[in-house]
Amino acid sequence: MIDYEPIGTIHSPFKEIAGMPIQPVGARGVVGYIELLPHLQAGLKDLEGFSHIFVLYHFHGASGFSLLVKPFLDKTERGVFSTRAPKRPNAIGLSVLKLLRVEGNTLHVENVDILDGTPLLDIKPYIPKFDVWQVDRTGWFGEKAENAETQKADERFK
């Protein structure tokens, strides 16, 4: 059995799932903050040297899962592992956020597409040399990914 404990809480202006951006690209300029548990603050040493961070979190607003889903950017039913839908066997989310500053155990972030009160599981630095790849294919997303900037969440994955 794998058992994770939250290491903090993510705060955003989004109190409800409906109307939230579906990806950080659709949340440009949206600010929030992350409260890391105080006893973990020493782990933030040197993080401020990075402009962006990966944030892994628990989709606490989703319950259960479906192996076939209709994602926000499509009308066709897709396998959950070919989507970023929150109703997953392990409800783990991933976002790349802009790190504005670190104050004590609080990280001020931007481009937040996350529900307020979301349990934080981990933080990792985003390093383009490691994390940016030229890709040959993007599956069914194709040109639909362009719509992520304007598409908003609804209640389907609650």
N, C-alpha and C. Protein backbone atom coordinates (compact mmCIF):
# COMPACT_ATOMS: atom_id res chain seq x y z
N MET A 1 0.84 -1.19 0.00
CA MET A 1 0.00 0.00 0.00
C MET A 1 0.88 1.24 0.00
N ILE A 2 0.54 2.18 -0.83
CA ILE A 2 1.23 3.46 -0.88
C ILE A 2 0.36 4.47 -0.16
N ASP A 3 0.95 5.21 0.75
CA ASP A 3 0.19 6.17 1.53
C ASP A 3 0.91 7.51 1.55
N TYR A 4 0.31 8.51 0.91
CA TYR A 4 0.89 9.85 0.88
C TYR A 4 0.15 10.75 1.86
N GLU A 5 0.89 11.65 2.46
CA GLU A 5 0.32 12.69 3.30
C GLU A 5 0.56 14.03 2.61
N PRO A 6 -0.41 14.92 2.61
CA PRO A 6 -0.19 16.25 2.03
C PRO A 6 0.95 16.96 2.76
N ILE A 7 1.72 17.72 1.97
CA ILE A 7 2.82 18.50 2.56
C ILE A 7 2.45 19.98 2.66
N GLY A 8 1.25 20.31 2.25
CA GLY A 8 0.79 21.69 2.31
C GLY A 8 -0.54 21.82 1.61
N THR A 9 -0.93 23.09 1.38
CA THR A 9 -2.22 23.40 0.76
C THR A 9 -2.04 24.46 -0.31
N ILE A 10 -2.71 24.27 -1.43
CA ILE A 10 -2.67 25.24 -2.53
C ILE A 10 -3.90 26.14 -2.42
N HIS A 11 -3.67 27.43 -2.51
CA HIS A 11 -4.77 28.40 -2.44
C HIS A 11 -4.88 29.16 -3.76
N SER A 12 -6.12 29.32 -4.21
CA SER A 12 -6.39 30.01 -5.47
C SER A 12 -7.70 30.76 -5.34
N PRO A 13 -8.02 31.59 -6.34
CA PRO A 13 -9.32 32.28 -6.32
C PRO A 13 -10.49 31.36 -6.67
N PHE A 14 -10.21 30.10 -7.06
CA PHE A 14 -11.27 29.21 -7.55
C PHE A 14 -11.87 28.39 -6.41
N LYS A 15 -13.05 28.78 -5.99
CA LYS A 15 -13.73 28.10 -4.88
C LYS A 15 -14.61 26.96 -5.36
N GLU A 16 -14.91 26.93 -6.66
CA GLU A 16 -15.74 25.89 -7.26
C GLU A 16 -15.07 25.38 -8.53
N ILE A 17 -15.33 24.13 -8.87
CA ILE A 17 -14.74 23.54 -10.07
C ILE A 17 -15.27 24.22 -11.33
N ALA A 18 -16.58 24.42 -11.40
CA ALA A 18 -17.19 25.03 -12.58
C ALA A 18 -16.61 26.42 -12.80
N GLY A 19 -16.13 26.66 -14.01
CA GLY A 19 -15.59 27.96 -14.36
C GLY A 19 -14.09 28.09 -14.20
N MET A 20 -13.44 27.08 -13.62
CA MET A 20 -11.98 27.11 -13.47
C MET A 20 -11.31 26.92 -14.82
N PRO A 21 -10.10 27.48 -15.00
CA PRO A 21 -9.33 27.14 -16.19
C PRO A 21 -8.98 25.65 -16.13
N ILE A 22 -8.79 25.03 -17.30
CA ILE A 22 -8.51 23.59 -17.32
C ILE A 22 -7.02 23.28 -17.40
N GLN A 23 -6.20 24.27 -17.64
CA GLN A 23 -4.75 24.10 -17.70
C GLN A 23 -4.10 25.44 -17.31
N PRO A 24 -2.84 25.43 -16.87
CA PRO A 24 -2.17 26.69 -16.54
C PRO A 24 -2.16 27.70 -17.69
N VAL A 25 -2.12 27.23 -18.94
CA VAL A 25 -2.13 28.14 -20.08
C VAL A 25 -3.41 28.98 -20.11
N GLY A 26 -4.49 28.47 -19.57
CA GLY A 26 -5.74 29.21 -19.50
C GLY A 26 -5.88 30.03 -18.24
N ALA A 27 -4.85 29.97 -17.38
CA ALA A 27 -4.88 30.71 -16.11
C ALA A 27 -3.75 31.74 -16.05
N ARG A 28 -3.29 32.17 -17.21
CA ARG A 28 -2.20 33.16 -17.23
C ARG A 28 -2.57 34.38 -16.39
N GLY A 29 -1.67 34.73 -15.49
CA GLY A 29 -1.87 35.90 -14.65
C GLY A 29 -2.66 35.63 -13.37
N VAL A 30 -3.24 34.44 -13.22
CA VAL A 30 -4.00 34.11 -12.02
C VAL A 30 -3.00 33.77 -10.90
N VAL A 31 -3.06 34.56 -9.82
CA VAL A 31 -2.11 34.35 -8.72
C VAL A 31 -2.76 33.54 -7.60
N GLY A 32 -1.91 32.86 -6.88
CA GLY A 32 -2.32 32.08 -5.72
C GLY A 32 -1.11 31.90 -4.83
N TYR A 33 -1.27 31.05 -3.84
CA TYR A 33 -0.13 30.77 -2.97
C TYR A 33 -0.23 29.36 -2.43
N ILE A 34 0.92 28.86 -2.05
CA ILE A 34 1.02 27.51 -1.50
C ILE A 34 1.58 27.63 -0.10
N GLU A 35 0.86 27.06 0.86
CA GLU A 35 1.34 27.01 2.24
C GLU A 35 1.93 25.63 2.48
N LEU A 36 3.23 25.59 2.63
CA LEU A 36 3.91 24.35 2.97
C LEU A 36 3.82 24.15 4.48
N LEU A 37 3.71 22.93 4.93
CA LEU A 37 3.68 22.69 6.38
C LEU A 37 4.96 23.28 6.99
N PRO A 38 4.82 24.00 8.09
CA PRO A 38 5.96 24.72 8.67
C PRO A 38 7.20 23.86 8.93
N HIS A 39 7.03 22.62 9.35
CA HIS A 39 8.20 21.80 9.66
C HIS A 39 8.96 21.35 8.40
N LEU A 40 8.41 21.65 7.21
CA LEU A 40 9.07 21.30 5.95
C LEU A 40 9.73 22.51 5.28
N GLN A 41 9.67 23.66 5.92
CA GLN A 41 10.16 24.91 5.34
C GLN A 41 11.62 24.84 4.89
N ALA A 42 12.47 24.15 5.61
CA ALA A 42 13.89 24.06 5.24
C ALA A 42 14.06 23.45 3.85
N GLY A 43 13.12 22.65 3.41
CA GLY A 43 13.18 22.04 2.09
C GLY A 43 13.00 23.02 0.95
N LEU A 44 12.60 24.26 1.26
CA LEU A 44 12.43 25.29 0.24
C LEU A 44 13.74 26.02 -0.07
N LYS A 45 14.79 25.71 0.68
CA LYS A 45 16.08 26.37 0.46
C LYS A 45 16.48 26.23 -1.01
N ASP A 46 16.86 27.32 -1.62
CA ASP A 46 17.34 27.40 -3.00
C ASP A 46 16.23 27.34 -4.05
N LEU A 47 14.98 27.11 -3.67
CA LEU A 47 13.90 27.01 -4.65
C LEU A 47 13.67 28.35 -5.35
N GLU A 48 13.89 29.45 -4.65
CA GLU A 48 13.61 30.77 -5.23
C GLU A 48 14.50 31.06 -6.45
N GLY A 49 15.54 30.28 -6.65
CA GLY A 49 16.39 30.44 -7.83
C GLY A 49 15.75 29.94 -9.11
N PHE A 50 14.56 29.34 -9.02
CA PHE A 50 13.87 28.80 -10.19
C PHE A 50 12.66 29.67 -10.51
N SER A 51 12.41 29.89 -11.80
CA SER A 51 11.26 30.72 -12.19
C SER A 51 9.97 29.92 -12.23
N HIS A 52 10.05 28.60 -12.42
CA HIS A 52 8.86 27.77 -12.53
C HIS A 52 9.05 26.48 -11.72
N ILE A 53 7.93 25.94 -11.26
CA ILE A 53 7.95 24.71 -10.47
C ILE A 53 6.86 23.75 -10.96
N PHE A 54 7.14 22.47 -10.83
CA PHE A 54 6.10 21.46 -10.97
C PHE A 54 5.42 21.34 -9.63
N VAL A 55 4.11 21.28 -9.63
CA VAL A 55 3.34 21.08 -8.42
C VAL A 55 2.50 19.83 -8.62
N LEU A 56 2.67 18.86 -7.74
CA LEU A 56 1.86 17.64 -7.77
C LEU A 56 0.86 17.73 -6.63
N TYR A 57 -0.38 17.38 -6.91
CA TYR A 57 -1.43 17.57 -5.92
C TYR A 57 -2.51 16.51 -6.06
N HIS A 58 -3.36 16.47 -5.05
CA HIS A 58 -4.48 15.53 -5.02
C HIS A 58 -5.74 16.25 -5.49
N PHE A 59 -6.41 15.68 -6.50
CA PHE A 59 -7.68 16.24 -6.98
C PHE A 59 -8.76 15.97 -5.94
N HIS A 60 -8.81 16.78 -4.91
CA HIS A 60 -9.74 16.54 -3.80
C HIS A 60 -11.19 16.83 -4.15
N GLY A 61 -11.43 17.53 -5.26
CA GLY A 61 -12.80 17.83 -5.65
C GLY A 61 -13.42 16.75 -6.51
N ALA A 62 -12.62 15.76 -6.90
CA ALA A 62 -13.12 14.67 -7.74
C ALA A 62 -13.37 13.44 -6.87
N SER A 63 -14.39 12.67 -7.22
CA SER A 63 -14.64 11.42 -6.49
C SER A 63 -14.79 10.29 -7.50
N GLY A 64 -14.25 9.15 -7.15
CA GLY A 64 -14.32 8.00 -8.04
C GLY A 64 -13.49 8.24 -9.29
N PHE A 65 -13.61 7.31 -10.23
CA PHE A 65 -12.91 7.48 -11.50
C PHE A 65 -13.66 6.76 -12.59
N SER A 66 -13.34 7.15 -13.81
CA SER A 66 -13.89 6.50 -15.00
C SER A 66 -12.72 6.21 -15.92
N LEU A 67 -12.70 5.03 -16.51
CA LEU A 67 -11.64 4.69 -17.45
C LEU A 67 -11.88 5.32 -18.82
N LEU A 68 -13.14 5.65 -19.11
CA LEU A 68 -13.49 6.36 -20.33
C LEU A 68 -14.15 7.67 -19.95
N VAL A 69 -13.64 8.78 -20.50
CA VAL A 69 -14.15 10.11 -20.15
C VAL A 69 -14.30 10.95 -21.41
N LYS A 70 -15.16 11.95 -21.34
CA LYS A 70 -15.24 12.97 -22.38
C LYS A 70 -14.48 14.18 -21.85
N PRO A 71 -13.25 14.39 -22.31
CA PRO A 71 -12.44 15.49 -21.79
C PRO A 71 -13.02 16.85 -22.17
N PHE A 72 -12.57 17.87 -21.46
CA PHE A 72 -13.08 19.22 -21.70
C PHE A 72 -12.85 19.70 -23.13
N LEU A 73 -11.78 19.25 -23.77
CA LEU A 73 -11.45 19.75 -25.10
C LEU A 73 -12.00 18.90 -26.24
N ASP A 74 -12.84 17.92 -25.91
CA ASP A 74 -13.32 17.01 -26.95
C ASP A 74 -14.72 16.52 -26.62
N LYS A 75 -15.41 16.04 -27.64
CA LYS A 75 -16.75 15.49 -27.45
C LYS A 75 -16.75 13.97 -27.56
N THR A 76 -15.58 13.41 -27.84
CA THR A 76 -15.44 11.97 -28.02
C THR A 76 -14.94 11.34 -26.73
N GLU A 77 -15.50 10.18 -26.40
CA GLU A 77 -15.05 9.46 -25.21
C GLU A 77 -13.61 8.96 -25.44
N ARG A 78 -12.75 9.21 -24.45
CA ARG A 78 -11.33 8.85 -24.55
C ARG A 78 -10.92 8.04 -23.33
N GLY A 79 -9.86 7.27 -23.46
CA GLY A 79 -9.29 6.57 -22.31
C GLY A 79 -8.70 7.58 -21.35
N VAL A 80 -8.98 7.44 -20.06
CA VAL A 80 -8.56 8.43 -19.08
C VAL A 80 -7.05 8.71 -19.12
N PHE A 81 -6.25 7.70 -19.46
CA PHE A 81 -4.80 7.89 -19.47
C PHE A 81 -4.32 8.66 -20.70
N SER A 82 -5.22 8.93 -21.65
CA SER A 82 -4.87 9.79 -22.79
C SER A 82 -5.44 11.19 -22.58
N THR A 83 -5.85 11.48 -21.34
CA THR A 83 -6.41 12.80 -21.00
C THR A 83 -5.74 13.33 -19.74
N ARG A 84 -6.13 14.53 -19.37
CA ARG A 84 -5.69 15.10 -18.10
C ARG A 84 -6.87 15.27 -17.15
N ALA A 85 -7.90 14.48 -17.38
CA ALA A 85 -9.11 14.54 -16.56
C ALA A 85 -8.79 14.21 -15.10
N PRO A 86 -9.45 14.87 -14.15
CA PRO A 86 -9.16 14.66 -12.73
C PRO A 86 -9.73 13.37 -12.13
N LYS A 87 -10.73 12.77 -12.73
CA LYS A 87 -11.30 11.52 -12.19
C LYS A 87 -10.47 10.36 -12.70
N ARG A 88 -9.44 10.00 -11.93
CA ARG A 88 -8.45 9.02 -12.32
C ARG A 88 -8.34 7.96 -11.24
N PRO A 89 -7.78 6.79 -11.53
CA PRO A 89 -7.60 5.78 -10.48
C PRO A 89 -6.80 6.32 -9.28
N ASN A 90 -5.78 7.11 -9.55
CA ASN A 90 -5.08 7.86 -8.50
C ASN A 90 -5.25 9.33 -8.86
N ALA A 91 -6.01 10.05 -8.08
CA ALA A 91 -6.41 11.42 -8.41
C ALA A 91 -5.26 12.41 -8.19
N ILE A 92 -4.22 12.25 -9.01
CA ILE A 92 -3.03 13.10 -8.89
C ILE A 92 -3.02 14.11 -10.02
N GLY A 93 -2.84 15.37 -9.68
CA GLY A 93 -2.75 16.44 -10.65
C GLY A 93 -1.33 16.96 -10.76
N LEU A 94 -1.02 17.58 -11.89
CA LEU A 94 0.29 18.14 -12.15
C LEU A 94 0.12 19.47 -12.87
N SER A 95 0.75 20.50 -12.37
CA SER A 95 0.75 21.81 -13.03
C SER A 95 2.16 22.38 -12.97
N VAL A 96 2.50 23.16 -14.00
CA VAL A 96 3.73 23.95 -13.98
C VAL A 96 3.31 25.38 -13.67
N LEU A 97 3.78 25.90 -12.54
CA LEU A 97 3.41 27.24 -12.10
C LEU A 97 4.62 28.14 -12.09
N LYS A 98 4.39 29.43 -12.32
CA LYS A 98 5.45 30.42 -12.20
C LYS A 98 5.64 30.73 -10.73
N LEU A 99 6.87 30.64 -10.26
CA LEU A 99 7.18 30.95 -8.86
C LEU A 99 7.56 32.42 -8.77
N LEU A 100 6.74 33.19 -8.07
CA LEU A 100 6.98 34.62 -7.93
C LEU A 100 7.98 34.92 -6.81
N ARG A 101 7.75 34.28 -5.66
CA ARG A 101 8.66 34.49 -4.52
C ARG A 101 8.33 33.48 -3.43
N VAL A 102 9.30 33.32 -2.53
CA VAL A 102 9.13 32.46 -1.36
C VAL A 102 9.26 33.33 -0.13
N GLU A 103 8.28 33.24 0.75
CA GLU A 103 8.30 33.97 2.02
C GLU A 103 8.04 32.97 3.14
N GLY A 104 9.09 32.61 3.86
CA GLY A 104 8.94 31.61 4.91
C GLY A 104 8.51 30.29 4.30
N ASN A 105 7.35 29.79 4.76
CA ASN A 105 6.83 28.52 4.22
C ASN A 105 5.73 28.74 3.17
N THR A 106 5.66 29.97 2.63
CA THR A 106 4.65 30.31 1.63
C THR A 106 5.30 30.58 0.28
N LEU A 107 4.79 29.92 -0.75
CA LEU A 107 5.23 30.15 -2.12
C LEU A 107 4.15 30.94 -2.83
N HIS A 108 4.51 32.07 -3.39
CA HIS A 108 3.59 32.87 -4.18
C HIS A 108 3.77 32.45 -5.63
N VAL A 109 2.66 32.07 -6.28
CA VAL A 109 2.72 31.47 -7.61
C VAL A 109 1.73 32.15 -8.55
N GLU A 110 1.95 31.92 -9.84
CA GLU A 110 1.10 32.50 -10.87
C GLU A 110 0.75 31.44 -11.90
N ASN A 111 -0.34 31.69 -12.63
CA ASN A 111 -0.89 30.78 -13.65
C ASN A 111 -1.54 29.57 -12.98
N VAL A 112 -2.24 29.83 -11.90
CA VAL A 112 -2.83 28.78 -11.06
C VAL A 112 -4.17 28.33 -11.64
N ASP A 113 -4.25 27.05 -11.96
CA ASP A 113 -5.46 26.44 -12.52
C ASP A 113 -6.01 25.39 -11.55
N ILE A 114 -5.86 25.63 -10.26
CA ILE A 114 -6.11 24.62 -9.24
C ILE A 114 -7.19 25.11 -8.27
N LEU A 115 -8.03 24.20 -7.84
CA LEU A 115 -9.11 24.50 -6.90
C LEU A 115 -8.54 24.92 -5.54
N ASP A 116 -9.11 25.95 -4.95
CA ASP A 116 -8.67 26.43 -3.64
C ASP A 116 -8.77 25.31 -2.60
N GLY A 117 -7.76 25.21 -1.76
CA GLY A 117 -7.76 24.21 -0.70
C GLY A 117 -7.21 22.86 -1.12
N THR A 118 -6.64 22.77 -2.31
CA THR A 118 -6.13 21.51 -2.83
C THR A 118 -4.92 21.03 -2.03
N PRO A 119 -4.91 19.76 -1.63
CA PRO A 119 -3.77 19.20 -0.90
C PRO A 119 -2.55 19.06 -1.82
N LEU A 120 -1.43 19.61 -1.37
CA LEU A 120 -0.16 19.55 -2.10
C LEU A 120 0.56 18.26 -1.75
N LEU A 121 1.06 17.56 -2.78
CA LEU A 121 1.80 16.31 -2.57
C LEU A 121 3.31 16.49 -2.73
N ASP A 122 3.72 17.36 -3.67
CA ASP A 122 5.16 17.55 -3.89
C ASP A 122 5.40 18.78 -4.74
N ILE A 123 6.64 19.26 -4.68
CA ILE A 123 7.12 20.39 -5.48
C ILE A 123 8.45 19.96 -6.08
N LYS A 124 8.63 20.27 -7.35
CA LYS A 124 9.90 19.99 -8.01
C LYS A 124 10.24 21.17 -8.91
N PRO A 125 11.52 21.50 -9.06
CA PRO A 125 11.88 22.60 -9.96
C PRO A 125 11.66 22.22 -11.41
N TYR A 126 11.18 23.17 -12.19
CA TYR A 126 11.02 22.99 -13.63
C TYR A 126 12.33 23.43 -14.28
N ILE A 127 12.93 22.54 -15.06
CA ILE A 127 14.22 22.82 -15.69
C ILE A 127 14.08 22.53 -17.18
N PRO A 128 14.00 23.58 -18.01
CA PRO A 128 13.76 23.36 -19.45
C PRO A 128 14.74 22.37 -20.09
N LYS A 129 16.00 22.38 -19.70
CA LYS A 129 16.98 21.46 -20.29
C LYS A 129 16.57 20.01 -20.07
N PHE A 130 15.87 19.73 -18.97
CA PHE A 130 15.41 18.38 -18.66
C PHE A 130 13.97 18.13 -19.10
N ASP A 131 13.15 19.17 -19.07
CA ASP A 131 11.69 18.99 -19.13
C ASP A 131 11.03 19.39 -20.44
N VAL A 132 11.77 19.96 -21.39
CA VAL A 132 11.19 20.35 -22.67
C VAL A 132 11.72 19.42 -23.75
N TRP A 133 10.81 18.80 -24.46
CA TRP A 133 11.16 17.86 -25.52
C TRP A 133 10.47 18.26 -26.82
N GLN A 134 11.12 18.03 -27.93
CA GLN A 134 10.47 18.13 -29.23
C GLN A 134 9.66 16.85 -29.39
N VAL A 135 8.38 16.98 -29.69
CA VAL A 135 7.53 15.79 -29.79
C VAL A 135 7.09 15.56 -31.23
N ASP A 136 6.85 14.29 -31.55
CA ASP A 136 6.42 13.91 -32.89
C ASP A 136 4.91 13.87 -33.03
N ARG A 137 4.22 13.62 -31.90
CA ARG A 137 2.76 13.50 -31.96
C ARG A 137 2.16 13.86 -30.61
N THR A 138 0.95 14.37 -30.66
CA THR A 138 0.22 14.73 -29.44
C THR A 138 -1.15 14.08 -29.39
N GLY A 139 -1.26 12.92 -30.04
CA GLY A 139 -2.50 12.15 -29.97
C GLY A 139 -3.71 12.93 -30.42
N TRP A 140 -4.83 12.66 -29.78
CA TRP A 140 -6.09 13.28 -30.16
C TRP A 140 -6.13 14.77 -29.86
N PHE A 141 -5.21 15.26 -29.00
CA PHE A 141 -5.21 16.68 -28.67
C PHE A 141 -5.01 17.54 -29.92
N GLY A 142 -4.05 17.13 -30.78
CA GLY A 142 -3.82 17.85 -32.03
C GLY A 142 -4.04 19.34 -31.90
N GLU A 143 -4.91 19.86 -32.73
CA GLU A 143 -5.23 21.30 -32.71
C GLU A 143 -6.16 21.67 -31.57
N LYS A 144 -6.76 20.69 -30.91
CA LYS A 144 -7.69 20.99 -29.82
C LYS A 144 -6.99 21.64 -28.63
N ALA A 145 -5.70 21.39 -28.47
CA ALA A 145 -4.94 21.96 -27.35
C ALA A 145 -4.98 23.49 -27.37
N GLU A 146 -5.13 24.07 -28.55
CA GLU A 146 -5.20 25.53 -28.67
C GLU A 146 -6.39 26.09 -27.88
N ASN A 147 -7.44 25.30 -27.71
CA ASN A 147 -8.64 25.75 -27.01
C ASN A 147 -8.49 25.75 -25.50
N ALA A 148 -7.39 25.22 -24.98
CA ALA A 148 -7.20 25.16 -23.52
C ALA A 148 -7.10 26.54 -22.90
N GLU A 149 -6.75 27.54 -23.67
CA GLU A 149 -6.63 28.90 -23.12
C GLU A 149 -7.98 29.49 -22.76
N THR A 150 -9.04 29.04 -23.43
CA THR A 150 -10.36 29.63 -23.19
C THR A 150 -11.36 28.67 -22.58
N GLN A 151 -11.11 27.38 -22.64
CA GLN A 151 -12.03 26.38 -22.10
C GLN A 151 -12.06 26.44 -20.58
N LYS A 152 -13.23 26.36 -20.00
CA LYS A 152 -13.39 26.35 -18.54
C LYS A 152 -13.95 25.01 -18.09
N ALA A 153 -13.67 24.66 -16.86
CA ALA A 153 -14.17 23.41 -16.29
C ALA A 153 -15.66 23.50 -16.02
N ASP A 154 -16.29 22.35 -16.02
CA ASP A 154 -17.69 22.27 -15.61
C ASP A 154 -17.77 21.19 -14.53
N GLU A 155 -18.94 20.73 -14.23
CA GLU A 155 -19.14 19.80 -13.11
C GLU A 155 -18.91 18.33 -13.48
N ARG A 156 -18.55 18.04 -14.72
CA ARG A 156 -18.50 16.63 -15.15
C ARG A 156 -17.48 15.77 -14.41
N PHE A 157 -16.44 16.36 -13.83
CA PHE A 157 -15.42 15.54 -13.16
C PHE A 157 -15.45 15.70 -11.65
N LYS A 158 -16.56 16.12 -11.12
CA LYS A 158 -16.71 16.29 -9.68
C LYS A 158 -16.95 14.96 -9.00
